Every structure is written in structure tokens, then in C-alpha cells.
């Protein structure tokens, strides 16, 4: 009877996927609701999103070839500090931050109000 050499443990191909931060269905629904209203108002034209190890980002564009006009970020590591959600402007400045996504997204409500000429 021959002895087989021990097989070294194989890395789990799904281990890195478990660490990825992403928006869940309810969060995406809230974000896309705001996005749809702004598209209907003619303010926004395109979006993109990315899921990375420490942050999930929903980017909003006025035109496709531009830098993002706004970024909505989810950073779970900031849960105990400033808040898990943030709205960032073009230059990366934090415009709104908080623990409740609906409250953070209210930042865009004032963008929908336009003066009558």
C-alpha cells in the first residue's frame, strides 16, 4: 500500500468576495429613487457603482465622460464614528454624512427645488 503525500489546503476562492462592501436591495432602491427623480428633472444622465473591500460607491454623472458630480459611499468601518453613509461632491468634500441613508439622501431634495422665473 503506497502512502499519498498530504494535500496542502487550497485557498478559498470566495473568501475575498465575503469581504466586499456593497449596497443591499433596500439601499439601492432608495438611491435609485432619488436618481430617477433627478434624471426626470434633467439634472443627471448616468451613474456607475463599485463594490470594493472597504467601501461601496454609487457615482452620479451629469454626462458620461465627466468626473462624478456626486458620490454616495457606504463605509461600514465608520459605523461607530461619523456614520456609515456619505454624500461627496466633485472635489471629494463631504456634503452630508450619517447613520441613516434616507436622512443622508435628503441632501438632494433641495436640488429638486428650482425658483420660478
PDB file of N, CA and C in Angstrom:
ATOM      1  N   UNK A   1       0.844  -1.166   0.000  1.00  0.00           N
ATOM      2  CA  UNK A   1       0.000   0.000   0.000  1.00  0.00           C
ATOM      3  C   UNK A   1       0.897   1.240   0.000  1.00  0.00           C
ATOM      4  N   UNK A   2       0.686   2.145  -0.974  1.00  0.00           N
ATOM      5  CA  UNK A   2       1.534   3.330  -1.074  1.00  0.00           C
ATOM      6  C   UNK A   2       0.907   4.492  -0.302  1.00  0.00           C
ATOM      7  N   UNK A   3       1.743   5.290   0.257  1.00  0.00           N
ATOM      8  CA  UNK A   3       1.301   6.459   1.033  1.00  0.00           C
ATOM      9  C   UNK A   3       1.233   7.670   0.100  1.00  0.00           C
ATOM     10  N   UNK A   4       0.101   8.334   0.096  1.00  0.00           N
ATOM     11  CA  UNK A   4      -0.058   9.557  -0.702  1.00  0.00           C
ATOM     12  C   UNK A   4       0.437  10.734   0.137  1.00  0.00           C
ATOM     13  N   UNK A   5       1.141  11.648  -0.482  1.00  0.00           N
ATOM     14  CA  UNK A   5       1.574  12.825   0.287  1.00  0.00           C
ATOM     15  C   UNK A   5       0.359  13.668   0.664  1.00  0.00           C
ATOM     16  N   UNK A   6       0.412  14.344   1.801  1.00  0.00           N
ATOM     17  CA  UNK A   6      -0.736  15.165   2.211  1.00  0.00           C
ATOM     18  C   UNK A   6      -0.956  16.310   1.210  1.00  0.00           C
ATOM     19  N   UNK A   7      -2.212  16.590   0.946  1.00  0.00           N
ATOM     20  CA  UNK A   7      -2.567  17.665   0.019  1.00  0.00           C
ATOM     21  C   UNK A   7      -2.602  18.968   0.804  1.00  0.00           C
ATOM     22  N   UNK A   8      -1.872  19.985   0.336  1.00  0.00           N
ATOM     23  CA  UNK A   8      -1.901  21.264   1.062  1.00  0.00           C
ATOM     24  C   UNK A   8      -3.280  21.904   0.935  1.00  0.00           C
ATOM     25  N   UNK A   9      -3.691  22.633   1.944  1.00  0.00           N
ATOM     26  CA  UNK A   9      -5.011  23.271   1.889  1.00  0.00           C
ATOM     27  C   UNK A   9      -5.064  24.291   0.753  1.00  0.00           C
ATOM     28  N   UNK A  10      -6.175  24.300   0.059  1.00  0.00           N
ATOM     29  CA  UNK A  10      -6.370  25.234  -1.052  1.00  0.00           C
ATOM     30  C   UNK A  10      -7.029  26.505  -0.534  1.00  0.00           C
ATOM     31  N   UNK A  11      -6.603  27.660  -1.056  1.00  0.00           N
ATOM     32  CA  UNK A  11      -7.274  28.898  -0.632  1.00  0.00           C
ATOM     33  C   UNK A  11      -8.717  28.922  -1.137  1.00  0.00           C
ATOM     34  N   UNK A  12      -9.576  29.487  -0.332  1.00  0.00           N
ATOM     35  CA  UNK A  12     -10.990  29.590  -0.686  1.00  0.00           C
ATOM     36  C   UNK A  12     -11.161  30.688  -1.731  1.00  0.00           C
ATOM     37  N   UNK A  13     -11.616  30.361  -2.944  1.00  0.00           N
ATOM     38  CA  UNK A  13     -11.762  31.398  -3.969  1.00  0.00           C
ATOM     39  C   UNK A  13     -12.854  32.410  -3.650  1.00  0.00           C
ATOM     40  N   UNK A  14     -13.746  32.097  -2.732  1.00  0.00           N
ATOM     41  CA  UNK A  14     -14.835  33.006  -2.387  1.00  0.00           C
ATOM     42  C   UNK A  14     -14.536  33.834  -1.138  1.00  0.00           C
ATOM     43  N   UNK A  15     -13.386  33.626  -0.511  1.00  0.00           N
ATOM     44  CA  UNK A  15     -13.058  34.339   0.729  1.00  0.00           C
ATOM     45  C   UNK A  15     -12.975  35.837   0.498  1.00  0.00           C
ATOM     46  N   UNK A  16     -12.339  36.269  -0.576  1.00  0.00           N
ATOM     47  CA  UNK A  16     -12.210  37.700  -0.846  1.00  0.00           C
ATOM     48  C   UNK A  16     -13.576  38.311  -1.139  1.00  0.00           C
ATOM     49  N   UNK A  17     -14.464  37.563  -1.740  1.00  0.00           N
ATOM     50  CA  UNK A  17     -15.792  38.060  -2.078  1.00  0.00           C
ATOM     51  C   UNK A  17     -16.597  38.357  -0.814  1.00  0.00           C
ATOM     52  N   UNK A  18     -16.349  37.620   0.266  1.00  0.00           N
ATOM     53  CA  UNK A  18     -17.077  37.843   1.511  1.00  0.00           C
ATOM     54  C   UNK A  18     -16.745  39.198   2.119  1.00  0.00           C
ATOM     55  N   UNK A  19     -15.577  39.748   1.813  1.00  0.00           N
ATOM     56  CA  UNK A  19     -15.134  40.996   2.420  1.00  0.00           C
ATOM     57  C   UNK A  19     -15.572  42.227   1.634  1.00  0.00           C
ATOM     58  N   UNK A  20     -16.179  42.033   0.490  1.00  0.00           N
ATOM     59  CA  UNK A  20     -16.575  43.153  -0.359  1.00  0.00           C
ATOM     60  C   UNK A  20     -17.784  43.860   0.233  1.00  0.00           C
ATOM     61  N   UNK A  21     -17.729  45.181   0.269  1.00  0.00           N
ATOM     62  CA  UNK A  21     -18.834  46.001   0.754  1.00  0.00           C
ATOM     63  C   UNK A  21     -19.720  46.327  -0.442  1.00  0.00           C
ATOM     64  N   UNK A  22     -21.016  46.193  -0.276  1.00  0.00           N
ATOM     65  CA  UNK A  22     -21.942  46.546  -1.354  1.00  0.00           C
ATOM     66  C   UNK A  22     -23.240  47.086  -0.762  1.00  0.00           C
ATOM     67  N   UNK A  23     -24.033  47.712  -1.605  1.00  0.00           N
ATOM     68  CA  UNK A  23     -25.341  48.197  -1.188  1.00  0.00           C
ATOM     69  C   UNK A  23     -26.323  47.040  -1.257  1.00  0.00           C
ATOM     70  N   UNK A  24     -27.213  46.950  -0.278  1.00  0.00           N
ATOM     71  CA  UNK A  24     -28.232  45.901  -0.357  1.00  0.00           C
ATOM     72  C   UNK A  24     -29.414  46.407  -1.191  1.00  0.00           C
ATOM     73  N   UNK A  25     -30.414  45.569  -1.365  1.00  0.00           N
ATOM     74  CA  UNK A  25     -31.549  45.881  -2.228  1.00  0.00           C
ATOM     75  C   UNK A  25     -32.296  47.137  -1.774  1.00  0.00           C
ATOM     76  N   UNK A  26     -32.510  47.295  -0.480  1.00  0.00           N
ATOM     77  CA  UNK A  26     -33.244  48.446   0.044  1.00  0.00           C
ATOM     78  C   UNK A  26     -32.444  49.736  -0.142  1.00  0.00           C
ATOM     79  N   UNK A  27     -31.145  49.652   0.107  1.00  0.00           N
ATOM     80  CA  UNK A  27     -30.288  50.831  -0.075  1.00  0.00           C
ATOM     81  C   UNK A  27     -30.275  51.255  -1.540  1.00  0.00           C
ATOM     82  N   UNK A  28     -30.116  50.293  -2.451  1.00  0.00           N
ATOM     83  CA  UNK A  28     -30.127  50.620  -3.879  1.00  0.00           C
ATOM     84  C   UNK A  28     -31.476  51.177  -4.309  1.00  0.00           C
ATOM     85  N   UNK A  29     -32.546  50.654  -3.752  1.00  0.00           N
ATOM     86  CA  UNK A  29     -33.875  51.175  -4.075  1.00  0.00           C
ATOM     87  C   UNK A  29     -34.014  52.638  -3.695  1.00  0.00           C
ATOM     88  N   UNK A  30     -33.528  53.001  -2.514  1.00  0.00           N
ATOM     89  CA  UNK A  30     -33.600  54.396  -2.061  1.00  0.00           C
ATOM     90  C   UNK A  30     -32.738  55.296  -2.939  1.00  0.00           C
ATOM     91  N   UNK A  31     -31.545  54.831  -3.261  1.00  0.00           N
ATOM     92  CA  UNK A  31     -30.635  55.626  -4.098  1.00  0.00           C
ATOM     93  C   UNK A  31     -31.204  55.791  -5.507  1.00  0.00           C
ATOM     94  N   UNK A  32     -31.714  54.708  -6.087  1.00  0.00           N
ATOM     95  CA  UNK A  32     -32.253  54.781  -7.443  1.00  0.00           C
ATOM     96  C   UNK A  32     -33.535  55.609  -7.513  1.00  0.00           C
ATOM     97  N   UNK A  33     -34.270  55.687  -6.433  1.00  0.00           N
ATOM     98  CA  UNK A  33     -35.451  56.544  -6.381  1.00  0.00           C
ATOM     99  C   UNK A  33     -35.041  58.013  -6.529  1.00  0.00           C
ATOM    100  N   UNK A  34     -34.031  58.421  -5.776  1.00  0.00           N
ATOM    101  CA  UNK A  34     -33.523  59.791  -5.887  1.00  0.00           C
ATOM    102  C   UNK A  34     -32.938  60.013  -7.279  1.00  0.00           C
ATOM    103  N   UNK A  35     -32.187  59.045  -7.762  1.00  0.00           N
ATOM    104  CA  UNK A  35     -31.577  59.149  -9.083  1.00  0.00           C
ATOM    105  C   UNK A  35     -32.646  59.332 -10.172  1.00  0.00           C
ATOM    106  N   UNK A  36     -33.712  58.552 -10.103  1.00  0.00           N
ATOM    107  CA  UNK A  36     -34.786  58.655 -11.086  1.00  0.00           C
ATOM    108  C   UNK A  36     -35.446  60.024 -11.101  1.00  0.00           C
ATOM    109  N   UNK A  37     -35.664  60.597  -9.915  1.00  0.00           N
ATOM    110  CA  UNK A  37     -36.262  61.931  -9.844  1.00  0.00           C
ATOM    111  C   UNK A  37     -35.347  62.982 -10.463  1.00  0.00           C
ATOM    112  N   UNK A  38     -34.041  62.848 -10.234  1.00  0.00           N
ATOM    113  CA  UNK A  38     -33.096  63.820 -10.778  1.00  0.00           C
ATOM    114  C   UNK A  38     -32.929  63.647 -12.295  1.00  0.00           C
ATOM    115  N   UNK A  39     -33.026  62.445 -12.789  1.00  0.00           N
ATOM    116  CA  UNK A  39     -32.994  62.219 -14.244  1.00  0.00           C
ATOM    117  C   UNK A  39     -34.231  62.843 -14.874  1.00  0.00           C
ATOM    118  N   UNK A  40     -35.394  62.648 -14.256  1.00  0.00           N
ATOM    119  CA  UNK A  40     -36.635  63.233 -14.766  1.00  0.00           C
ATOM    120  C   UNK A  40     -36.580  64.757 -14.768  1.00  0.00           C
ATOM    121  N   UNK A  41     -35.848  65.328 -13.823  1.00  0.00           N
ATOM    122  CA  UNK A  41     -35.688  66.787 -13.760  1.00  0.00           C
ATOM    123  C   UNK A  41     -34.628  67.281 -14.742  1.00  0.00           C
ATOM    124  N   UNK A  42     -33.927  66.365 -15.400  1.00  0.00           N
ATOM    125  CA  UNK A  42     -32.913  66.741 -16.378  1.00  0.00           C
ATOM    126  C   UNK A  42     -31.565  67.098 -15.787  1.00  0.00           C
ATOM    127  N   UNK A  43     -31.339  66.772 -14.524  1.00  0.00           N
ATOM    128  CA  UNK A  43     -30.095  67.138 -13.850  1.00  0.00           C
ATOM    129  C   UNK A  43     -28.988  66.105 -14.056  1.00  0.00           C
ATOM    130  N   UNK A  44     -29.338  64.843 -14.031  1.00  0.00           N
ATOM    131  CA  UNK A  44     -28.341  63.774 -14.111  1.00  0.00           C
ATOM    132  C   UNK A  44     -28.591  62.925 -15.348  1.00  0.00           C
ATOM    133  N   UNK A  45     -27.522  62.297 -15.848  1.00  0.00           N
ATOM    134  CA  UNK A  45     -27.651  61.496 -17.059  1.00  0.00           C
ATOM    135  C   UNK A  45     -27.139  60.061 -16.928  1.00  0.00           C
ATOM    136  N   UNK A  46     -26.206  59.813 -16.025  1.00  0.00           N
ATOM    137  CA  UNK A  46     -25.582  58.494 -15.968  1.00  0.00           C
ATOM    138  C   UNK A  46     -25.149  58.185 -14.542  1.00  0.00           C
ATOM    139  N   UNK A  47     -24.920  56.912 -14.276  1.00  0.00           N
ATOM    140  CA  UNK A  47     -24.430  56.501 -12.968  1.00  0.00           C
ATOM    141  C   UNK A  47     -23.510  55.293 -13.123  1.00  0.00           C
ATOM    142  N   UNK A  48     -22.794  55.010 -12.076  1.00  0.00           N
ATOM    143  CA  UNK A  48     -21.955  53.819 -12.019  1.00  0.00           C
ATOM    144  C   UNK A  48     -21.792  53.441 -10.562  1.00  0.00           C
ATOM    145  N   UNK A  49     -21.507  52.179 -10.307  1.00  0.00           N
ATOM    146  CA  UNK A  49     -21.238  51.813  -8.922  1.00  0.00           C
ATOM    147  C   UNK A  49     -20.134  50.782  -8.855  1.00  0.00           C
ATOM    148  N   UNK A  50     -19.468  50.790  -7.710  1.00  0.00           N
ATOM    149  CA  UNK A  50     -18.348  49.886  -7.487  1.00  0.00           C
ATOM    150  C   UNK A  50     -18.454  49.315  -6.084  1.00  0.00           C
ATOM    151  N   UNK A  51     -18.101  48.059  -5.942  1.00  0.00           N
ATOM    152  CA  UNK A  51     -18.068  47.393  -4.638  1.00  0.00           C
ATOM    153  C   UNK A  51     -16.629  46.969  -4.398  1.00  0.00           C
ATOM    154  N   UNK A  52     -16.041  47.511  -3.348  1.00  0.00           N
ATOM    155  CA  UNK A  52     -14.643  47.229  -3.027  1.00  0.00           C
ATOM    156  C   UNK A  52     -14.542  46.657  -1.623  1.00  0.00           C
ATOM    157  N   UNK A  53     -13.339  46.442  -1.165  1.00  0.00           N
ATOM    158  CA  UNK A  53     -13.139  45.816   0.137  1.00  0.00           C
ATOM    159  C   UNK A  53     -13.644  46.660   1.295  1.00  0.00           C
ATOM    160  N   UNK A  54     -13.434  47.962   1.259  1.00  0.00           N
ATOM    161  CA  UNK A  54     -13.812  48.796   2.403  1.00  0.00           C
ATOM    162  C   UNK A  54     -14.942  49.775   2.124  1.00  0.00           C
ATOM    163  N   UNK A  55     -15.308  49.908   0.860  1.00  0.00           N
ATOM    164  CA  UNK A  55     -16.311  50.920   0.513  1.00  0.00           C
ATOM    165  C   UNK A  55     -17.116  50.487  -0.715  1.00  0.00           C
ATOM    166  N   UNK A  56     -18.397  50.853  -0.700  1.00  0.00           N
ATOM    167  CA  UNK A  56     -19.256  50.723  -1.879  1.00  0.00           C
ATOM    168  C   UNK A  56     -19.570  52.141  -2.335  1.00  0.00           C
ATOM    169  N   UNK A  57     -19.475  52.382  -3.643  1.00  0.00           N
ATOM    170  CA  UNK A  57     -19.642  53.734  -4.173  1.00  0.00           C
ATOM    171  C   UNK A  57     -20.673  53.732  -5.298  1.00  0.00           C
ATOM    172  N   UNK A  58     -21.631  54.651  -5.208  1.00  0.00           N
ATOM    173  CA  UNK A  58     -22.590  54.906  -6.278  1.00  0.00           C
ATOM    174  C   UNK A  58     -22.236  56.285  -6.813  1.00  0.00           C
ATOM    175  N   UNK A  59     -21.729  56.359  -8.037  1.00  0.00           N
ATOM    176  CA  UNK A  59     -21.289  57.620  -8.636  1.00  0.00           C
ATOM    177  C   UNK A  59     -22.364  58.154  -9.573  1.00  0.00           C
ATOM    178  N   UNK A  60     -22.557  59.469  -9.531  1.00  0.00           N
ATOM    179  CA  UNK A  60     -23.589  60.126 -10.324  1.00  0.00           C
ATOM    180  C   UNK A  60     -22.912  61.119 -11.264  1.00  0.00           C
ATOM    181  N   UNK A  61     -23.288  61.054 -12.551  1.00  0.00           N
ATOM    182  CA  UNK A  61     -22.661  61.885 -13.567  1.00  0.00           C
ATOM    183  C   UNK A  61     -23.691  62.775 -14.252  1.00  0.00           C
ATOM    184  N   UNK A  62     -23.265  63.971 -14.597  1.00  0.00           N
ATOM    185  CA  UNK A  62     -24.110  64.841 -15.425  1.00  0.00           C
ATOM    186  C   UNK A  62     -23.998  64.391 -16.878  1.00  0.00           C
ATOM    187  N   UNK A  63     -22.784  64.057 -17.298  1.00  0.00           N
ATOM    188  CA  UNK A  63     -22.523  63.472 -18.615  1.00  0.00           C
ATOM    189  C   UNK A  63     -21.608  62.281 -18.415  1.00  0.00           C
ATOM    190  N   UNK A  64     -21.637  61.332 -19.325  1.00  0.00           N
ATOM    191  CA  UNK A  64     -20.888  60.091 -19.166  1.00  0.00           C
ATOM    192  C   UNK A  64     -19.384  60.308 -19.085  1.00  0.00           C
ATOM    193  N   UNK A  65     -18.840  61.212 -19.859  1.00  0.00           N
ATOM    194  CA  UNK A  65     -17.393  61.373 -19.959  1.00  0.00           C
ATOM    195  C   UNK A  65     -16.787  62.241 -18.856  1.00  0.00           C
ATOM    196  N   UNK A  66     -17.568  62.667 -17.906  1.00  0.00           N
ATOM    197  CA  UNK A  66     -17.071  63.557 -16.857  1.00  0.00           C
ATOM    198  C   UNK A  66     -16.677  62.801 -15.591  1.00  0.00           C
ATOM    199  N   UNK A  67     -16.098  63.556 -14.674  1.00  0.00           N
ATOM    200  CA  UNK A  67     -15.872  63.020 -13.330  1.00  0.00           C
ATOM    201  C   UNK A  67     -17.229  63.002 -12.626  1.00  0.00           C
ATOM    202  N   UNK A  68     -17.385  62.193 -11.598  1.00  0.00           N
ATOM    203  CA  UNK A  68     -18.694  62.142 -10.914  1.00  0.00           C
ATOM    204  C   UNK A  68     -19.072  63.489 -10.302  1.00  0.00           C
ATOM    205  N   UNK A  69     -20.318  63.855 -10.471  1.00  0.00           N
ATOM    206  CA  UNK A  69     -20.859  65.061  -9.866  1.00  0.00           C
ATOM    207  C   UNK A  69     -21.025  64.848  -8.356  1.00  0.00           C
ATOM    208  N   UNK A  70     -21.523  63.666  -7.994  1.00  0.00           N
ATOM    209  CA  UNK A  70     -21.679  63.258  -6.594  1.00  0.00           C
ATOM    210  C   UNK A  70     -21.290  61.799  -6.464  1.00  0.00           C
ATOM    211  N   UNK A  71     -20.884  61.427  -5.252  1.00  0.00           N
ATOM    212  CA  UNK A  71     -20.647  60.019  -4.917  1.00  0.00           C
ATOM    213  C   UNK A  71     -21.370  59.724  -3.614  1.00  0.00           C
ATOM    214  N   UNK A  72     -22.116  58.636  -3.610  1.00  0.00           N
ATOM    215  CA  UNK A  72     -22.759  58.165  -2.383  1.00  0.00           C
ATOM    216  C   UNK A  72     -21.936  56.963  -1.938  1.00  0.00           C
ATOM    217  N   UNK A  73     -21.382  57.045  -0.739  1.00  0.00           N
ATOM    218  CA  UNK A  73     -20.496  55.987  -0.247  1.00  0.00           C
ATOM    219  C   UNK A  73     -21.075  55.293   0.966  1.00  0.00           C
ATOM    220  N   UNK A  74     -20.747  54.017   1.080  1.00  0.00           N
ATOM    221  CA  UNK A  74     -21.095  53.217   2.252  1.00  0.00           C
ATOM    222  C   UNK A  74     -19.788  52.660   2.796  1.00  0.00           C
ATOM    223  N   UNK A  75     -19.430  53.073   4.016  1.00  0.00           N
ATOM    224  CA  UNK A  75     -18.197  52.622   4.670  1.00  0.00           C
ATOM    225  C   UNK A  75     -18.554  52.026   6.037  1.00  0.00           C
ATOM    226  N   UNK A  76     -18.701  50.709   6.112  1.00  0.00           N
ATOM    227  CA  UNK A  76     -19.087  50.077   7.378  1.00  0.00           C
ATOM    228  C   UNK A  76     -18.117  50.343   8.532  1.00  0.00           C
ATOM    229  N   UNK A  77     -16.867  50.587   8.249  1.00  0.00           N
ATOM    230  CA  UNK A  77     -15.899  50.854   9.327  1.00  0.00           C
ATOM    231  C   UNK A  77     -16.201  52.138  10.087  1.00  0.00           C
ATOM    232  N   UNK A  78     -16.943  53.053   9.481  1.00  0.00           N
ATOM    233  CA  UNK A  78     -17.277  54.313  10.151  1.00  0.00           C
ATOM    234  C   UNK A  78     -18.596  54.236  10.915  1.00  0.00           C
ATOM    235  N   UNK A  79     -19.139  53.035  11.052  1.00  0.00           N
ATOM    236  CA  UNK A  79     -20.424  52.837  11.728  1.00  0.00           C
ATOM    237  C   UNK A  79     -20.427  53.431  13.141  1.00  0.00           C
ATOM    238  N   UNK A  80     -19.371  53.224  13.887  1.00  0.00           N
ATOM    239  CA  UNK A  80     -19.322  53.699  15.270  1.00  0.00           C
ATOM    240  C   UNK A  80     -18.832  55.140  15.376  1.00  0.00           C
ATOM    241  N   UNK A  81     -18.402  55.709  14.274  1.00  0.00           N
ATOM    242  CA  UNK A  81     -17.853  57.066  14.308  1.00  0.00           C
ATOM    243  C   UNK A  81     -18.812  58.059  13.672  1.00  0.00           C
ATOM    244  N   UNK A  82     -18.510  58.508  12.454  1.00  0.00           N
ATOM    245  CA  UNK A  82     -19.270  59.583  11.825  1.00  0.00           C
ATOM    246  C   UNK A  82     -20.542  59.108  11.137  1.00  0.00           C
ATOM    247  N   UNK A  83     -20.619  57.858  10.802  1.00  0.00           N
ATOM    248  CA  UNK A  83     -21.777  57.342  10.083  1.00  0.00           C
ATOM    249  C   UNK A  83     -21.337  56.534   8.885  1.00  0.00           C
ATOM    250  N   UNK A  84     -22.116  55.543   8.565  1.00  0.00           N
ATOM    251  CA  UNK A  84     -21.755  54.590   7.528  1.00  0.00           C
ATOM    252  C   UNK A  84     -21.938  55.170   6.111  1.00  0.00           C
ATOM    253  N   UNK A  85     -22.869  56.143   5.933  1.00  0.00           N
ATOM    254  CA  UNK A  85     -23.180  56.699   4.614  1.00  0.00           C
ATOM    255  C   UNK A  85     -22.664  58.120   4.481  1.00  0.00           C
ATOM    256  N   UNK A  86     -22.284  58.494   3.238  1.00  0.00           N
ATOM    257  CA  UNK A  86     -21.827  59.854   2.983  1.00  0.00           C
ATOM    258  C   UNK A  86     -22.151  60.242   1.548  1.00  0.00           C
ATOM    259  N   UNK A  87     -22.412  61.532   1.351  1.00  0.00           N
ATOM    260  CA  UNK A  87     -22.534  62.114   0.016  1.00  0.00           C
ATOM    261  C   UNK A  87     -21.319  63.009  -0.161  1.00  0.00           C
ATOM    262  N   UNK A  88     -20.557  62.760  -1.222  1.00  0.00           N
ATOM    263  CA  UNK A  88     -19.358  63.541  -1.504  1.00  0.00           C
ATOM    264  C   UNK A  88     -19.552  64.318  -2.798  1.00  0.00           C
ATOM    265  N   UNK A  89     -18.978  65.516  -2.855  1.00  0.00           N
ATOM    266  CA  UNK A  89     -19.068  66.354  -4.039  1.00  0.00           C
ATOM    267  C   UNK A  89     -17.967  66.035  -5.035  1.00  0.00           C
ATOM    268  N   UNK A  90     -17.896  66.858  -6.085  1.00  0.00           N
ATOM    269  CA  UNK A  90     -16.924  66.648  -7.162  1.00  0.00           C
ATOM    270  C   UNK A  90     -15.490  66.600  -6.661  1.00  0.00           C
ATOM    271  N   UNK A  91     -15.143  67.494  -5.763  1.00  0.00           N
ATOM    272  CA  UNK A  91     -13.774  67.568  -5.262  1.00  0.00           C
ATOM    273  C   UNK A  91     -13.484  66.616  -4.124  1.00  0.00           C
ATOM    274  N   UNK A  92     -14.430  65.784  -3.755  1.00  0.00           N
ATOM    275  CA  UNK A  92     -14.233  64.844  -2.665  1.00  0.00           C
ATOM    276  C   UNK A  92     -14.655  65.370  -1.307  1.00  0.00           C
ATOM    277  N   UNK A  93     -15.194  66.591  -1.272  1.00  0.00           N
ATOM    278  CA  UNK A  93     -15.633  67.154   0.004  1.00  0.00           C
ATOM    279  C   UNK A  93     -16.892  66.443   0.477  1.00  0.00           C
ATOM    280  N   UNK A  94     -16.965  66.203   1.784  1.00  0.00           N
ATOM    281  CA  UNK A  94     -18.126  65.541   2.370  1.00  0.00           C
ATOM    282  C   UNK A  94     -19.243  66.566   2.495  1.00  0.00           C
ATOM    283  N   UNK A  95     -20.363  66.312   1.812  1.00  0.00           N
ATOM    284  CA  UNK A  95     -21.501  67.221   1.835  1.00  0.00           C
ATOM    285  C   UNK A  95     -22.525  66.820   2.884  1.00  0.00           C
ATOM    286  N   UNK A  96     -22.629  65.528   3.149  1.00  0.00           N
ATOM    287  CA  UNK A  96     -23.548  65.012   4.166  1.00  0.00           C
ATOM    288  C   UNK A  96     -23.054  63.664   4.617  1.00  0.00           C
ATOM    289  N   UNK A  97     -23.138  63.383   5.905  1.00  0.00           N
ATOM    290  CA  UNK A  97     -22.720  62.096   6.450  1.00  0.00           C
ATOM    291  C   UNK A  97     -23.687  61.705   7.545  1.00  0.00           C
ATOM    292  N   UNK A  98     -23.935  60.401   7.688  1.00  0.00           N
ATOM    293  CA  UNK A  98     -24.825  59.971   8.750  1.00  0.00           C
ATOM    294  C   UNK A  98     -25.002  58.470   8.811  1.00  0.00           C
ATOM    295  N   UNK A  99     -25.773  58.041   9.797  1.00  0.00           N
ATOM    296  CA  UNK A  99     -26.041  56.624  10.027  1.00  0.00           C
ATOM    297  C   UNK A  99     -27.281  56.148   9.272  1.00  0.00           C
ATOM    298  N   UNK A 100     -28.155  57.081   8.860  1.00  0.00           N
ATOM    299  CA  UNK A 100     -29.414  56.742   8.190  1.00  0.00           C
ATOM    300  C   UNK A 100     -29.336  57.178   6.733  1.00  0.00           C
ATOM    301  N   UNK A 101     -29.450  56.233   5.809  1.00  0.00           N
ATOM    302  CA  UNK A 101     -29.332  56.541   4.385  1.00  0.00           C
ATOM    303  C   UNK A 101     -30.404  57.519   3.926  1.00  0.00           C
ATOM    304  N   UNK A 102     -31.637  57.353   4.376  1.00  0.00           N
ATOM    305  CA  UNK A 102     -32.719  58.259   3.965  1.00  0.00           C
ATOM    306  C   UNK A 102     -32.408  59.699   4.360  1.00  0.00           C
ATOM    307  N   UNK A 103     -31.868  59.893   5.553  1.00  0.00           N
ATOM    308  CA  UNK A 103     -31.518  61.243   6.005  1.00  0.00           C
ATOM    309  C   UNK A 103     -30.374  61.814   5.173  1.00  0.00           C
ATOM    310  N   UNK A 104     -29.417  60.994   4.827  1.00  0.00           N
ATOM    311  CA  UNK A 104     -28.284  61.448   4.019  1.00  0.00           C
ATOM    312  C   UNK A 104     -28.762  61.815   2.613  1.00  0.00           C
ATOM    313  N   UNK A 105     -29.682  61.036   2.062  1.00  0.00           N
ATOM    314  CA  UNK A 105     -30.181  61.294   0.705  1.00  0.00           C
ATOM    315  C   UNK A 105     -31.077  62.530   0.636  1.00  0.00           C
ATOM    316  N   UNK A 106     -31.570  63.011   1.768  1.00  0.00           N
ATOM    317  CA  UNK A 106     -32.373  64.238   1.773  1.00  0.00           C
ATOM    318  C   UNK A 106     -31.572  65.448   1.309  1.00  0.00           C
ATOM    319  N   UNK A 107     -30.260  65.311   1.280  1.00  0.00           N
ATOM    320  CA  UNK A 107     -29.398  66.362   0.740  1.00  0.00           C
ATOM    321  C   UNK A 107     -29.851  66.747  -0.671  1.00  0.00           C
ATOM    322  N   UNK A 108     -30.298  65.772  -1.448  1.00  0.00           N
ATOM    323  CA  UNK A 108     -30.676  66.012  -2.842  1.00  0.00           C
ATOM    324  C   UNK A 108     -32.061  66.627  -2.991  1.00  0.00           C
ATOM    325  N   UNK A 109     -32.871  66.632  -1.950  1.00  0.00           N
ATOM    326  CA  UNK A 109     -34.217  67.215  -2.037  1.00  0.00           C
ATOM    327  C   UNK A 109     -34.149  68.704  -2.389  1.00  0.00           C
ATOM    328  N   UNK A 110     -33.202  69.418  -1.842  1.00  0.00           N
ATOM    329  CA  UNK A 110     -33.107  70.845  -2.138  1.00  0.00           C
ATOM    330  C   UNK A 110     -32.640  71.088  -3.565  1.00  0.00           C
ATOM    331  N   UNK A 111     -32.014  70.110  -4.193  1.00  0.00           N
ATOM    332  CA  UNK A 111     -31.580  70.241  -5.577  1.00  0.00           C
ATOM    333  C   UNK A 111     -32.792  70.198  -6.522  1.00  0.00           C
ATOM    334  N   UNK A 112     -33.884  69.603  -6.096  1.00  0.00           N
ATOM    335  CA  UNK A 112     -35.080  69.492  -6.933  1.00  0.00           C
ATOM    336  C   UNK A 112     -35.925  70.760  -6.907  1.00  0.00           C
ATOM    337  N   UNK A 113     -35.699  71.605  -5.910  1.00  0.00           N
ATOM    338  CA  UNK A 113     -36.466  72.854  -5.788  1.00  0.00           C
ATOM    339  C   UNK A 113     -35.788  73.921  -6.634  1.00  0.00           C
ATOM    340  N   UNK A 114     -36.523  74.431  -7.626  1.00  0.00           N
ATOM    341  CA  UNK A 114     -35.980  75.456  -8.518  1.00  0.00           C
ATOM    342  C   UNK A 114     -36.850  76.695  -8.443  1.00  0.00           C
ATOM    343  N   UNK A 115     -36.229  77.861  -8.499  1.00  0.00           N
ATOM    344  CA  UNK A 115     -37.040  79.084  -8.487  1.00  0.00           C
ATOM    345  C   UNK A 115     -37.817  79.240  -9.796  1.00  0.00           C
ATOM    346  N   UNK A 116     -38.974  79.861  -9.710  1.00  0.00           N
ATOM    347  CA  UNK A 116     -39.798  80.122 -10.892  1.00  0.00           C
ATOM    348  C   UNK A 116     -39.376  81.454 -11.470  1.00  0.00           C
ATOM    349  N   UNK A 117     -39.118  81.451 -12.761  1.00  0.00           N
ATOM    350  CA  UNK A 117     -38.673  82.705 -13.405  1.00  0.00           C
ATOM    351  C   UNK A 117     -39.799  83.424 -14.079  1.00  0.00           C
TER     352      UNK A 117
END
